[in-house]
Amino acid sequence: MVEMSSSRRRGFRWGWWGAAATHVGSNMVRKNRTVNALASAAQVALRSVSKVGHLLWLEVTGLFFVAFAAIGGLAAWHDYYKHKMLSVRLGAAICFMVVFAWFGLSSFWRARSKA
């Protein structure tokens, strides 16, 4: 048999007291104008920071995609001038370059439209 404390056997639980204290405390906090003002300011600041963070994310990912496209273009250029003919490897490098250039440019376009 599991041992129980005497307070538990009598039905005393902190959960009920904690819920009551939370209810009373939340009523007091809701009526406090300073707390409401700080909560509103925090909400506005978080919304602004998240918008700027999202724009920064789009621009940084766009920069990386454009850099990868440039690397793919250099690989295509190197492969073409090395072999002086079209090959599957050259086609793959060109496809890589086009796709990543599209991803990069579309990321910058999205950032501009959201700004």
PDB file of N, CA and C in Angstrom:
ATOM      1  N   MET A   1       0.834  -1.174   0.000  1.00  0.00           N
ATOM      2  CA  MET A   1       0.000   0.000   0.000  1.00  0.00           C
ATOM      3  C   MET A   1       0.891   1.254   0.000  1.00  0.00           C
ATOM      4  N   VAL A   2       0.457   2.273  -0.711  1.00  0.00           N
ATOM      5  CA  VAL A   2       1.232   3.499  -0.835  1.00  0.00           C
ATOM      6  C   VAL A   2       1.028   4.363   0.404  1.00  0.00           C
ATOM      7  N   GLU A   3       2.129   4.873   0.966  1.00  0.00           N
ATOM      8  CA  GLU A   3       2.055   5.745   2.131  1.00  0.00           C
ATOM      9  C   GLU A   3       1.580   7.126   1.699  1.00  0.00           C
ATOM     10  N   MET A   4       0.625   7.682   2.443  1.00  0.00           N
ATOM     11  CA  MET A   4       0.125   9.025   2.168  1.00  0.00           C
ATOM     12  C   MET A   4       0.379   9.904   3.379  1.00  0.00           C
ATOM     13  N   SER A   5       0.603  11.160   3.113  1.00  0.00           N
ATOM     14  CA  SER A   5       0.807  12.081   4.221  1.00  0.00           C
ATOM     15  C   SER A   5      -0.525  12.346   4.919  1.00  0.00           C
ATOM     16  N   SER A   6      -0.451  12.829   6.132  1.00  0.00           N
ATOM     17  CA  SER A   6      -1.680  13.072   6.896  1.00  0.00           C
ATOM     18  C   SER A   6      -2.509  14.187   6.267  1.00  0.00           C
ATOM     19  N   SER A   7      -1.850  15.195   5.729  1.00  0.00           N
ATOM     20  CA  SER A   7      -2.610  16.277   5.095  1.00  0.00           C
ATOM     21  C   SER A   7      -3.323  15.784   3.845  1.00  0.00           C
ATOM     22  N   ARG A   8      -2.736  14.852   3.147  1.00  0.00           N
ATOM     23  CA  ARG A   8      -3.368  14.308   1.939  1.00  0.00           C
ATOM     24  C   ARG A   8      -4.562  13.433   2.315  1.00  0.00           C
ATOM     25  N   ARG A   9      -4.438  12.686   3.423  1.00  0.00           N
ATOM     26  CA  ARG A   9      -5.556  11.846   3.857  1.00  0.00           C
ATOM     27  C   ARG A   9      -6.746  12.689   4.271  1.00  0.00           C
ATOM     28  N   ARG A  10      -6.499  13.845   4.810  1.00  0.00           N
ATOM     29  CA  ARG A  10      -7.593  14.724   5.241  1.00  0.00           C
ATOM     30  C   ARG A  10      -8.188  15.509   4.084  1.00  0.00           C
ATOM     31  N   GLY A  11      -7.606  15.376   2.896  1.00  0.00           N
ATOM     32  CA  GLY A  11      -8.172  16.063   1.735  1.00  0.00           C
ATOM     33  C   GLY A  11      -7.635  17.461   1.519  1.00  0.00           C
ATOM     34  N   PHE A  12      -6.574  17.830   2.243  1.00  0.00           N
ATOM     35  CA  PHE A  12      -6.011  19.169   2.087  1.00  0.00           C
ATOM     36  C   PHE A  12      -5.105  19.186   0.860  1.00  0.00           C
ATOM     37  N   ARG A  13      -5.428  20.046  -0.094  1.00  0.00           N
ATOM     38  CA  ARG A  13      -4.613  20.128  -1.311  1.00  0.00           C
ATOM     39  C   ARG A  13      -4.267  21.592  -1.554  1.00  0.00           C
ATOM     40  N   TRP A  14      -3.029  21.800  -1.928  1.00  0.00           N
ATOM     41  CA  TRP A  14      -2.584  23.165  -2.220  1.00  0.00           C
ATOM     42  C   TRP A  14      -3.156  23.663  -3.528  1.00  0.00           C
ATOM     43  N   GLY A  15      -3.574  22.763  -4.403  1.00  0.00           N
ATOM     44  CA  GLY A  15      -4.113  23.182  -5.692  1.00  0.00           C
ATOM     45  C   GLY A  15      -5.301  24.119  -5.556  1.00  0.00           C
ATOM     46  N   TRP A  16      -6.195  23.825  -4.626  1.00  0.00           N
ATOM     47  CA  TRP A  16      -7.371  24.672  -4.452  1.00  0.00           C
ATOM     48  C   TRP A  16      -6.970  26.032  -3.913  1.00  0.00           C
ATOM     49  N   TRP A  17      -6.072  26.041  -2.912  1.00  0.00           N
ATOM     50  CA  TRP A  17      -5.603  27.301  -2.349  1.00  0.00           C
ATOM     51  C   TRP A  17      -4.828  28.104  -3.397  1.00  0.00           C
ATOM     52  N   GLY A  18      -4.045  27.403  -4.186  1.00  0.00           N
ATOM     53  CA  GLY A  18      -3.287  28.085  -5.236  1.00  0.00           C
ATOM     54  C   GLY A  18      -4.197  28.702  -6.278  1.00  0.00           C
ATOM     55  N   ALA A  19      -5.265  27.977  -6.641  1.00  0.00           N
ATOM     56  CA  ALA A  19      -6.214  28.508  -7.620  1.00  0.00           C
ATOM     57  C   ALA A  19      -6.931  29.731  -7.078  1.00  0.00           C
ATOM     58  N   ALA A  20      -7.301  29.697  -5.804  1.00  0.00           N
ATOM     59  CA  ALA A  20      -7.980  30.843  -5.198  1.00  0.00           C
ATOM     60  C   ALA A  20      -7.060  32.051  -5.138  1.00  0.00           C
ATOM     61  N   ALA A  21      -5.817  31.821  -4.744  1.00  0.00           N
ATOM     62  CA  ALA A  21      -4.860  32.931  -4.665  1.00  0.00           C
ATOM     63  C   ALA A  21      -4.588  33.511  -6.051  1.00  0.00           C
ATOM     64  N   THR A  22      -4.515  32.648  -7.033  1.00  0.00           N
ATOM     65  CA  THR A  22      -4.302  33.118  -8.402  1.00  0.00           C
ATOM     66  C   THR A  22      -5.481  33.939  -8.884  1.00  0.00           C
ATOM     67  N   HIS A  23      -6.678  33.501  -8.571  1.00  0.00           N
ATOM     68  CA  HIS A  23      -7.885  34.218  -8.992  1.00  0.00           C
ATOM     69  C   HIS A  23      -7.928  35.611  -8.369  1.00  0.00           C
ATOM     70  N   VAL A  24      -7.671  35.685  -7.075  1.00  0.00           N
ATOM     71  CA  VAL A  24      -7.682  36.980  -6.391  1.00  0.00           C
ATOM     72  C   VAL A  24      -6.559  37.868  -6.919  1.00  0.00           C
ATOM     73  N   GLY A  25      -5.374  37.280  -7.086  1.00  0.00           N
ATOM     74  CA  GLY A  25      -4.248  38.061  -7.593  1.00  0.00           C
ATOM     75  C   GLY A  25      -4.468  38.557  -9.007  1.00  0.00           C
ATOM     76  N   SER A  26      -5.091  37.725  -9.850  1.00  0.00           N
ATOM     77  CA  SER A  26      -5.320  38.165 -11.231  1.00  0.00           C
ATOM     78  C   SER A  26      -6.359  39.267 -11.285  1.00  0.00           C
ATOM     79  N   ASN A  27      -7.351  39.233 -10.409  1.00  0.00           N
ATOM     80  CA  ASN A  27      -8.319  40.333 -10.363  1.00  0.00           C
ATOM     81  C   ASN A  27      -7.648  41.631  -9.959  1.00  0.00           C
ATOM     82  N   MET A  28      -6.724  41.562  -9.007  1.00  0.00           N
ATOM     83  CA  MET A  28      -6.020  42.766  -8.574  1.00  0.00           C
ATOM     84  C   MET A  28      -5.132  43.293  -9.694  1.00  0.00           C
ATOM     85  N   VAL A  29      -4.484  42.391 -10.444  1.00  0.00           N
ATOM     86  CA  VAL A  29      -3.583  42.809 -11.519  1.00  0.00           C
ATOM     87  C   VAL A  29      -4.370  43.397 -12.675  1.00  0.00           C
ATOM     88  N   ARG A  30      -5.528  42.809 -12.996  1.00  0.00           N
ATOM     89  CA  ARG A  30      -6.326  43.312 -14.118  1.00  0.00           C
ATOM     90  C   ARG A  30      -6.799  44.738 -13.882  1.00  0.00           C
ATOM     91  N   LYS A  31      -7.005  45.111 -12.632  1.00  0.00           N
ATOM     92  CA  LYS A  31      -7.497  46.456 -12.321  1.00  0.00           C
ATOM     93  C   LYS A  31      -6.369  47.483 -12.223  1.00  0.00           C
ATOM     94  N   ASN A  32      -5.126  47.048 -12.289  1.00  0.00           N
ATOM     95  CA  ASN A  32      -3.988  47.941 -12.139  1.00  0.00           C
ATOM     96  C   ASN A  32      -3.655  48.552 -13.502  1.00  0.00           C
ATOM     97  N   ARG A  33      -3.743  49.868 -13.617  1.00  0.00           N
ATOM     98  CA  ARG A  33      -3.512  50.552 -14.889  1.00  0.00           C
ATOM     99  C   ARG A  33      -2.065  50.454 -15.337  1.00  0.00           C
ATOM    100  N   THR A  34      -1.138  50.446 -14.404  1.00  0.00           N
ATOM    101  CA  THR A  34       0.284  50.354 -14.755  1.00  0.00           C
ATOM    102  C   THR A  34       0.584  49.005 -15.392  1.00  0.00           C
ATOM    103  N   VAL A  35       0.036  47.954 -14.810  1.00  0.00           N
ATOM    104  CA  VAL A  35       0.256  46.618 -15.361  1.00  0.00           C
ATOM    105  C   VAL A  35      -0.356  46.516 -16.752  1.00  0.00           C
ATOM    106  N   ASN A  36      -1.558  47.070 -16.920  1.00  0.00           N
ATOM    107  CA  ASN A  36      -2.193  47.053 -18.240  1.00  0.00           C
ATOM    108  C   ASN A  36      -1.373  47.827 -19.263  1.00  0.00           C
ATOM    109  N   ALA A  37      -0.832  48.965 -18.856  1.00  0.00           N
ATOM    110  CA  ALA A  37      -0.015  49.763 -19.776  1.00  0.00           C
ATOM    111  C   ALA A  37       1.267  49.029 -20.151  1.00  0.00           C
ATOM    112  N   LEU A  38       1.903  48.391 -19.172  1.00  0.00           N
ATOM    113  CA  LEU A  38       3.124  47.636 -19.469  1.00  0.00           C
ATOM    114  C   LEU A  38       2.843  46.439 -20.374  1.00  0.00           C
ATOM    115  N   ALA A  39       1.723  45.768 -20.145  1.00  0.00           N
ATOM    116  CA  ALA A  39       1.359  44.631 -20.997  1.00  0.00           C
ATOM    117  C   ALA A  39       1.083  45.088 -22.423  1.00  0.00           C
ATOM    118  N   SER A  40       0.408  46.209 -22.558  1.00  0.00           N
ATOM    119  CA  SER A  40       0.129  46.749 -23.889  1.00  0.00           C
ATOM    120  C   SER A  40       1.421  47.166 -24.595  1.00  0.00           C
ATOM    121  N   ALA A  41       2.317  47.802 -23.869  1.00  0.00           N
ATOM    122  CA  ALA A  41       3.594  48.210 -24.458  1.00  0.00           C
ATOM    123  C   ALA A  41       4.414  47.004 -24.876  1.00  0.00           C
ATOM    124  N   ALA A  42       4.413  45.959 -24.050  1.00  0.00           N
ATOM    125  CA  ALA A  42       5.157  44.748 -24.391  1.00  0.00           C
ATOM    126  C   ALA A  42       4.573  44.089 -25.640  1.00  0.00           C
ATOM    127  N   GLN A  43       3.258  44.098 -25.745  1.00  0.00           N
ATOM    128  CA  GLN A  43       2.613  43.508 -26.917  1.00  0.00           C
ATOM    129  C   GLN A  43       2.978  44.268 -28.191  1.00  0.00           C
ATOM    130  N   VAL A  44       2.954  45.584 -28.140  1.00  0.00           N
ATOM    131  CA  VAL A  44       3.311  46.399 -29.308  1.00  0.00           C
ATOM    132  C   VAL A  44       4.786  46.203 -29.664  1.00  0.00           C
ATOM    133  N   ALA A  45       5.644  46.190 -28.658  1.00  0.00           N
ATOM    134  CA  ALA A  45       7.072  46.016 -28.918  1.00  0.00           C
ATOM    135  C   ALA A  45       7.356  44.642 -29.518  1.00  0.00           C
ATOM    136  N   LEU A  46       6.719  43.600 -28.993  1.00  0.00           N
ATOM    137  CA  LEU A  46       6.921  42.254 -29.544  1.00  0.00           C
ATOM    138  C   LEU A  46       6.423  42.152 -30.979  1.00  0.00           C
ATOM    139  N   ARG A  47       5.308  42.778 -31.268  1.00  0.00           N
ATOM    140  CA  ARG A  47       4.793  42.755 -32.635  1.00  0.00           C
ATOM    141  C   ARG A  47       5.764  43.448 -33.594  1.00  0.00           C
ATOM    142  N   SER A  48       6.304  44.585 -33.175  1.00  0.00           N
ATOM    143  CA  SER A  48       7.257  45.316 -34.009  1.00  0.00           C
ATOM    144  C   SER A  48       8.552  44.536 -34.204  1.00  0.00           C
ATOM    145  N   VAL A  49       9.069  43.973 -33.123  1.00  0.00           N
ATOM    146  CA  VAL A  49      10.309  43.208 -33.200  1.00  0.00           C
ATOM    147  C   VAL A  49      10.125  41.964 -34.055  1.00  0.00           C
ATOM    148  N   SER A  50       8.975  41.308 -33.939  1.00  0.00           N
ATOM    149  CA  SER A  50       8.751  40.103 -34.743  1.00  0.00           C
ATOM    150  C   SER A  50       8.632  40.451 -36.227  1.00  0.00           C
ATOM    151  N   LYS A  51       8.033  41.602 -36.542  1.00  0.00           N
ATOM    152  CA  LYS A  51       7.938  42.003 -37.945  1.00  0.00           C
ATOM    153  C   LYS A  51       9.321  42.297 -38.516  1.00  0.00           C
ATOM    154  N   VAL A  52      10.124  43.039 -37.781  1.00  0.00           N
ATOM    155  CA  VAL A  52      11.481  43.349 -38.231  1.00  0.00           C
ATOM    156  C   VAL A  52      12.323  42.078 -38.319  1.00  0.00           C
ATOM    157  N   GLY A  53      12.157  41.194 -37.344  1.00  0.00           N
ATOM    158  CA  GLY A  53      12.883  39.923 -37.375  1.00  0.00           C
ATOM    159  C   GLY A  53      12.513  39.081 -38.583  1.00  0.00           C
ATOM    160  N   HIS A  54      11.230  39.079 -38.942  1.00  0.00           N
ATOM    161  CA  HIS A  54      10.807  38.320 -40.118  1.00  0.00           C
ATOM    162  C   HIS A  54      11.384  38.920 -41.396  1.00  0.00           C
ATOM    163  N   LEU A  55      11.392  40.248 -41.496  1.00  0.00           N
ATOM    164  CA  LEU A  55      11.995  40.894 -42.665  1.00  0.00           C
ATOM    165  C   LEU A  55      13.485  40.590 -42.751  1.00  0.00           C
ATOM    166  N   LEU A  56      14.164  40.626 -41.617  1.00  0.00           N
ATOM    167  CA  LEU A  56      15.588  40.307 -41.595  1.00  0.00           C
ATOM    168  C   LEU A  56      15.815  38.856 -42.011  1.00  0.00           C
ATOM    169  N   TRP A  57      14.971  37.948 -41.540  1.00  0.00           N
ATOM    170  CA  TRP A  57      15.075  36.538 -41.911  1.00  0.00           C
ATOM    171  C   TRP A  57      14.928  36.367 -43.423  1.00  0.00           C
ATOM    172  N   LEU A  58      13.931  37.036 -44.016  1.00  0.00           N
ATOM    173  CA  LEU A  58      13.732  36.928 -45.461  1.00  0.00           C
ATOM    174  C   LEU A  58      14.940  37.472 -46.233  1.00  0.00           C
ATOM    175  N   GLU A  59      15.490  38.585 -45.774  1.00  0.00           N
ATOM    176  CA  GLU A  59      16.623  39.167 -46.478  1.00  0.00           C
ATOM    177  C   GLU A  59      17.891  38.327 -46.331  1.00  0.00           C
ATOM    178  N   VAL A  60      18.120  37.784 -45.154  1.00  0.00           N
ATOM    179  CA  VAL A  60      19.316  36.953 -44.952  1.00  0.00           C
ATOM    180  C   VAL A  60      19.210  35.660 -45.765  1.00  0.00           C
ATOM    181  N   THR A  61      18.043  35.018 -45.748  1.00  0.00           N
ATOM    182  CA  THR A  61      17.891  33.798 -46.554  1.00  0.00           C
ATOM    183  C   THR A  61      18.006  34.126 -48.037  1.00  0.00           C
ATOM    184  N   GLY A  62      17.474  35.266 -48.451  1.00  0.00           N
ATOM    185  CA  GLY A  62      17.628  35.677 -49.845  1.00  0.00           C
ATOM    186  C   GLY A  62      19.086  35.872 -50.211  1.00  0.00           C
ATOM    187  N   LEU A  63      19.853  36.462 -49.315  1.00  0.00           N
ATOM    188  CA  LEU A  63      21.278  36.661 -49.559  1.00  0.00           C
ATOM    189  C   LEU A  63      22.000  35.321 -49.710  1.00  0.00           C
ATOM    190  N   PHE A  64      21.688  34.359 -48.835  1.00  0.00           N
ATOM    191  CA  PHE A  64      22.319  33.047 -48.940  1.00  0.00           C
ATOM    192  C   PHE A  64      21.924  32.343 -50.234  1.00  0.00           C
ATOM    193  N   PHE A  65      20.659  32.440 -50.629  1.00  0.00           N
ATOM    194  CA  PHE A  65      20.231  31.814 -51.876  1.00  0.00           C
ATOM    195  C   PHE A  65      20.932  32.438 -53.081  1.00  0.00           C
ATOM    196  N   VAL A  66      21.076  33.757 -53.081  1.00  0.00           N
ATOM    197  CA  VAL A  66      21.786  34.422 -54.183  1.00  0.00           C
ATOM    198  C   VAL A  66      23.260  34.025 -54.183  1.00  0.00           C
ATOM    199  N   ALA A  67      23.856  33.891 -53.007  1.00  0.00           N
ATOM    200  CA  ALA A  67      25.257  33.453 -52.931  1.00  0.00           C
ATOM    201  C   ALA A  67      25.403  32.029 -53.463  1.00  0.00           C
ATOM    202  N   PHE A  68      24.468  31.138 -53.121  1.00  0.00           N
ATOM    203  CA  PHE A  68      24.513  29.773 -53.660  1.00  0.00           C
ATOM    204  C   PHE A  68      24.313  29.777 -55.169  1.00  0.00           C
ATOM    205  N   ALA A  69      23.462  30.670 -55.668  1.00  0.00           N
ATOM    206  CA  ALA A  69      23.274  30.778 -57.118  1.00  0.00           C
ATOM    207  C   ALA A  69      24.566  31.240 -57.789  1.00  0.00           C
ATOM    208  N   ALA A  70      25.272  32.161 -57.158  1.00  0.00           N
ATOM    209  CA  ALA A  70      26.548  32.617 -57.721  1.00  0.00           C
ATOM    210  C   ALA A  70      27.569  31.481 -57.733  1.00  0.00           C
ATOM    211  N   ILE A  71      27.581  30.681 -56.677  1.00  0.00           N
ATOM    212  CA  ILE A  71      28.487  29.527 -56.645  1.00  0.00           C
ATOM    213  C   ILE A  71      28.126  28.542 -57.754  1.00  0.00           C
ATOM    214  N   GLY A  72      26.820  28.313 -57.953  1.00  0.00           N
ATOM    215  CA  GLY A  72      26.387  27.442 -59.043  1.00  0.00           C
ATOM    216  C   GLY A  72      26.753  28.004 -60.403  1.00  0.00           C
ATOM    217  N   GLY A  73      26.650  29.328 -60.570  1.00  0.00           N
ATOM    218  CA  GLY A  73      27.047  29.954 -61.829  1.00  0.00           C
ATOM    219  C   GLY A  73      28.537  29.825 -62.075  1.00  0.00           C
ATOM    220  N   LEU A  74      29.345  29.989 -61.018  1.00  0.00           N
ATOM    221  CA  LEU A  74      30.790  29.808 -61.166  1.00  0.00           C
ATOM    222  C   LEU A  74      31.135  28.361 -61.519  1.00  0.00           C
ATOM    223  N   ALA A  75      30.399  27.412 -60.927  1.00  0.00           N
ATOM    224  CA  ALA A  75      30.638  26.001 -61.249  1.00  0.00           C
ATOM    225  C   ALA A  75      30.270  25.712 -62.704  1.00  0.00           C
ATOM    226  N   ALA A  76      29.174  26.304 -63.182  1.00  0.00           N
ATOM    227  CA  ALA A  76      28.773  26.111 -64.576  1.00  0.00           C
ATOM    228  C   ALA A  76      29.810  26.728 -65.511  1.00  0.00           C
ATOM    229  N   TRP A  77      30.271  27.931 -65.185  1.00  0.00           N
ATOM    230  CA  TRP A  77      31.269  28.597 -66.008  1.00  0.00           C
ATOM    231  C   TRP A  77      32.569  27.784 -66.050  1.00  0.00           C
ATOM    232  N   HIS A  78      32.993  27.309 -64.901  1.00  0.00           N
ATOM    233  CA  HIS A  78      34.219  26.516 -64.823  1.00  0.00           C
ATOM    234  C   HIS A  78      34.081  25.222 -65.628  1.00  0.00           C
ATOM    235  N   ASP A  79      32.943  24.553 -65.502  1.00  0.00           N
ATOM    236  CA  ASP A  79      32.739  23.289 -66.217  1.00  0.00           C
ATOM    237  C   ASP A  79      32.691  23.518 -67.727  1.00  0.00           C
ATOM    238  N   TYR A  80      32.055  24.596 -68.171  1.00  0.00           N
ATOM    239  CA  TYR A  80      31.960  24.856 -69.611  1.00  0.00           C
ATOM    240  C   TYR A  80      33.329  25.177 -70.204  1.00  0.00           C
ATOM    241  N   TYR A  81      34.090  26.041 -69.524  1.00  0.00           N
ATOM    242  CA  TYR A  81      35.396  26.408 -70.073  1.00  0.00           C
ATOM    243  C   TYR A  81      36.445  25.319 -69.905  1.00  0.00           C
ATOM    244  N   LYS A  82      36.212  24.377 -69.027  1.00  0.00           N
ATOM    245  CA  LYS A  82      37.127  23.270 -68.867  1.00  0.00           C
ATOM    246  C   LYS A  82      36.932  22.243 -69.985  1.00  0.00           C
ATOM    247  N   HIS A  83      35.664  21.943 -70.318  1.00  0.00           N
ATOM    248  CA  HIS A  83      35.374  20.894 -71.302  1.00  0.00           C
ATOM    249  C   HIS A  83      34.956  21.427 -72.674  1.00  0.00           C
ATOM    250  N   LYS A  84      34.577  22.700 -72.768  1.00  0.00           N
ATOM    251  CA  LYS A  84      34.150  23.342 -74.020  1.00  0.00           C
ATOM    252  C   LYS A  84      32.988  22.602 -74.683  1.00  0.00           C
ATOM    253  N   MET A  85      32.102  22.028 -73.867  1.00  0.00           N
ATOM    254  CA  MET A  85      30.920  21.359 -74.416  1.00  0.00           C
ATOM    255  C   MET A  85      29.838  21.292 -73.345  1.00  0.00           C
ATOM    256  N   LEU A  86      28.617  21.073 -73.816  1.00  0.00           N
ATOM    257  CA  LEU A  86      27.498  20.929 -72.892  1.00  0.00           C
ATOM    258  C   LEU A  86      27.509  19.518 -72.316  1.00  0.00           C
ATOM    259  N   SER A  87      27.242  19.428 -71.024  1.00  0.00           N
ATOM    260  CA  SER A  87      27.221  18.122 -70.373  1.00  0.00           C
ATOM    261  C   SER A  87      26.097  18.107 -69.342  1.00  0.00           C
ATOM    262  N   VAL A  88      25.867  16.930 -68.788  1.00  0.00           N
ATOM    263  CA  VAL A  88      24.845  16.797 -67.750  1.00  0.00           C
ATOM    264  C   VAL A  88      25.249  17.598 -66.518  1.00  0.00           C
ATOM    265  N   ARG A  89      26.506  17.594 -66.221  1.00  0.00           N
ATOM    266  CA  ARG A  89      27.010  18.342 -65.071  1.00  0.00           C
ATOM    267  C   ARG A  89      26.798  19.849 -65.260  1.00  0.00           C
ATOM    268  N   LEU A  90      27.030  20.326 -66.475  1.00  0.00           N
ATOM    269  CA  LEU A  90      26.800  21.737 -66.765  1.00  0.00           C
ATOM    270  C   LEU A  90      25.318  22.067 -66.665  1.00  0.00           C
ATOM    271  N   GLY A  91      24.470  21.182 -67.184  1.00  0.00           N
ATOM    272  CA  GLY A  91      23.024  21.403 -67.082  1.00  0.00           C
ATOM    273  C   GLY A  91      22.545  21.427 -65.637  1.00  0.00           C
ATOM    274  N   ALA A  92      23.093  20.532 -64.821  1.00  0.00           N
ATOM    275  CA  ALA A  92      22.720  20.510 -63.408  1.00  0.00           C
ATOM    276  C   ALA A  92      23.170  21.794 -62.706  1.00  0.00           C
ATOM    277  N   ALA A  93      24.348  22.274 -63.033  1.00  0.00           N
ATOM    278  CA  ALA A  93      24.839  23.519 -62.419  1.00  0.00           C
ATOM    279  C   ALA A  93      23.985  24.709 -62.836  1.00  0.00           C
ATOM    280  N   ILE A  94      23.555  24.724 -64.102  1.00  0.00           N
ATOM    281  CA  ILE A  94      22.708  25.827 -64.575  1.00  0.00           C
ATOM    282  C   ILE A  94      21.338  25.769 -63.907  1.00  0.00           C
ATOM    283  N   CYS A  95      20.770  24.559 -63.805  1.00  0.00           N
ATOM    284  CA  CYS A  95      19.476  24.410 -63.125  1.00  0.00           C
ATOM    285  C   CYS A  95      19.589  24.837 -61.657  1.00  0.00           C
ATOM    286  N   PHE A  96      20.667  24.433 -61.000  1.00  0.00           N
ATOM    287  CA  PHE A  96      20.919  24.821 -59.616  1.00  0.00           C
ATOM    288  C   PHE A  96      20.982  26.339 -59.499  1.00  0.00           C
ATOM    289  N   MET A  97      21.710  26.966 -60.420  1.00  0.00           N
ATOM    290  CA  MET A  97      21.869  28.409 -60.386  1.00  0.00           C
ATOM    291  C   MET A  97      20.524  29.117 -60.581  1.00  0.00           C
ATOM    292  N   VAL A  98      19.728  28.652 -61.538  1.00  0.00           N
ATOM    293  CA  VAL A  98      18.445  29.301 -61.819  1.00  0.00           C
ATOM    294  C   VAL A  98      17.480  29.148 -60.638  1.00  0.00           C
ATOM    295  N   VAL A  99      17.409  27.945 -60.091  1.00  0.00           N
ATOM    296  CA  VAL A  99      16.477  27.706 -58.980  1.00  0.00           C
ATOM    297  C   VAL A  99      16.864  28.540 -57.761  1.00  0.00           C
ATOM    298  N   PHE A 100      18.129  28.547 -57.408  1.00  0.00           N
ATOM    299  CA  PHE A 100      18.536  29.299 -56.234  1.00  0.00           C
ATOM    300  C   PHE A 100      18.467  30.804 -56.462  1.00  0.00           C
ATOM    301  N   ALA A 101      18.700  31.258 -57.688  1.00  0.00           N
ATOM    302  CA  ALA A 101      18.522  32.683 -57.983  1.00  0.00           C
ATOM    303  C   ALA A 101      17.047  33.054 -57.823  1.00  0.00           C
ATOM    304  N   TRP A 102      16.145  32.174 -58.272  1.00  0.00           N
ATOM    305  CA  TRP A 102      14.712  32.444 -58.118  1.00  0.00           C
ATOM    306  C   TRP A 102      14.335  32.494 -56.632  1.00  0.00           C
ATOM    307  N   PHE A 103      14.832  31.544 -55.842  1.00  0.00           N
ATOM    308  CA  PHE A 103      14.537  31.552 -54.412  1.00  0.00           C
ATOM    309  C   PHE A 103      15.040  32.840 -53.767  1.00  0.00           C
ATOM    310  N   GLY A 104      16.239  33.256 -54.115  1.00  0.00           N
ATOM    311  CA  GLY A 104      16.803  34.467 -53.531  1.00  0.00           C
ATOM    312  C   GLY A 104      16.026  35.712 -53.906  1.00  0.00           C
ATOM    313  N   LEU A 105      15.714  35.852 -55.187  1.00  0.00           N
ATOM    314  CA  LEU A 105      14.979  37.041 -55.629  1.00  0.00           C
ATOM    315  C   LEU A 105      13.568  37.066 -55.059  1.00  0.00           C
ATOM    316  N   SER A 106      12.909  35.910 -55.019  1.00  0.00           N
ATOM    317  CA  SER A 106      11.551  35.889 -54.460  1.00  0.00           C
ATOM    318  C   SER A 106      11.570  36.196 -52.965  1.00  0.00           C
ATOM    319  N   SER A 107      12.632  35.817 -52.279  1.00  0.00           N
ATOM    320  CA  SER A 107      12.743  36.148 -50.861  1.00  0.00           C
ATOM    321  C   SER A 107      12.884  37.657 -50.677  1.00  0.00           C
ATOM    322  N   PHE A 108      13.686  38.304 -51.521  1.00  0.00           N
ATOM    323  CA  PHE A 108      13.804  39.756 -51.455  1.00  0.00           C
ATOM    324  C   PHE A 108      12.489  40.439 -51.829  1.00  0.00           C
ATOM    325  N   TRP A 109      11.771  39.918 -52.824  1.00  0.00           N
ATOM    326  CA  TRP A 109      10.479  40.491 -53.206  1.00  0.00           C
ATOM    327  C   TRP A 109       9.466  40.375 -52.065  1.00  0.00           C
ATOM    328  N   ARG A 110       9.461  39.233 -51.381  1.00  0.00           N
ATOM    329  CA  ARG A 110       8.557  39.065 -50.238  1.00  0.00           C
ATOM    330  C   ARG A 110       8.898  40.051 -49.128  1.00  0.00           C
ATOM    331  N   ALA A 111      10.172  40.243 -48.881  1.00  0.00           N
ATOM    332  CA  ALA A 111      10.588  41.190 -47.838  1.00  0.00           C
ATOM    333  C   ALA A 111      10.149  42.601 -48.209  1.00  0.00           C
ATOM    334  N   ARG A 112      10.265  42.959 -49.478  1.00  0.00           N
ATOM    335  CA  ARG A 112       9.864  44.290 -49.896  1.00  0.00           C
ATOM    336  C   ARG A 112       8.356  44.474 -49.802  1.00  0.00           C
ATOM    337  N   SER A 113       7.591  43.431 -50.163  1.00  0.00           N
ATOM    338  CA  SER A 113       6.132  43.570 -50.115  1.00  0.00           C
ATOM    339  C   SER A 113       5.617  43.609 -48.677  1.00  0.00           C
ATOM    340  N   LYS A 114       6.326  42.996 -47.736  1.00  0.00           N
ATOM    341  CA  LYS A 114       5.893  43.002 -46.336  1.00  0.00           C
ATOM    342  C   LYS A 114       6.331  44.277 -45.606  1.00  0.00           C
ATOM    343  N   ALA A 115       7.298  44.980 -46.150  1.00  0.00           N
ATOM    344  CA  ALA A 115       7.809  46.183 -45.476  1.00  0.00           C
ATOM    345  C   ALA A 115       6.838  47.337 -45.532  1.00  0.00           C
TER     346      ALA A 115
END
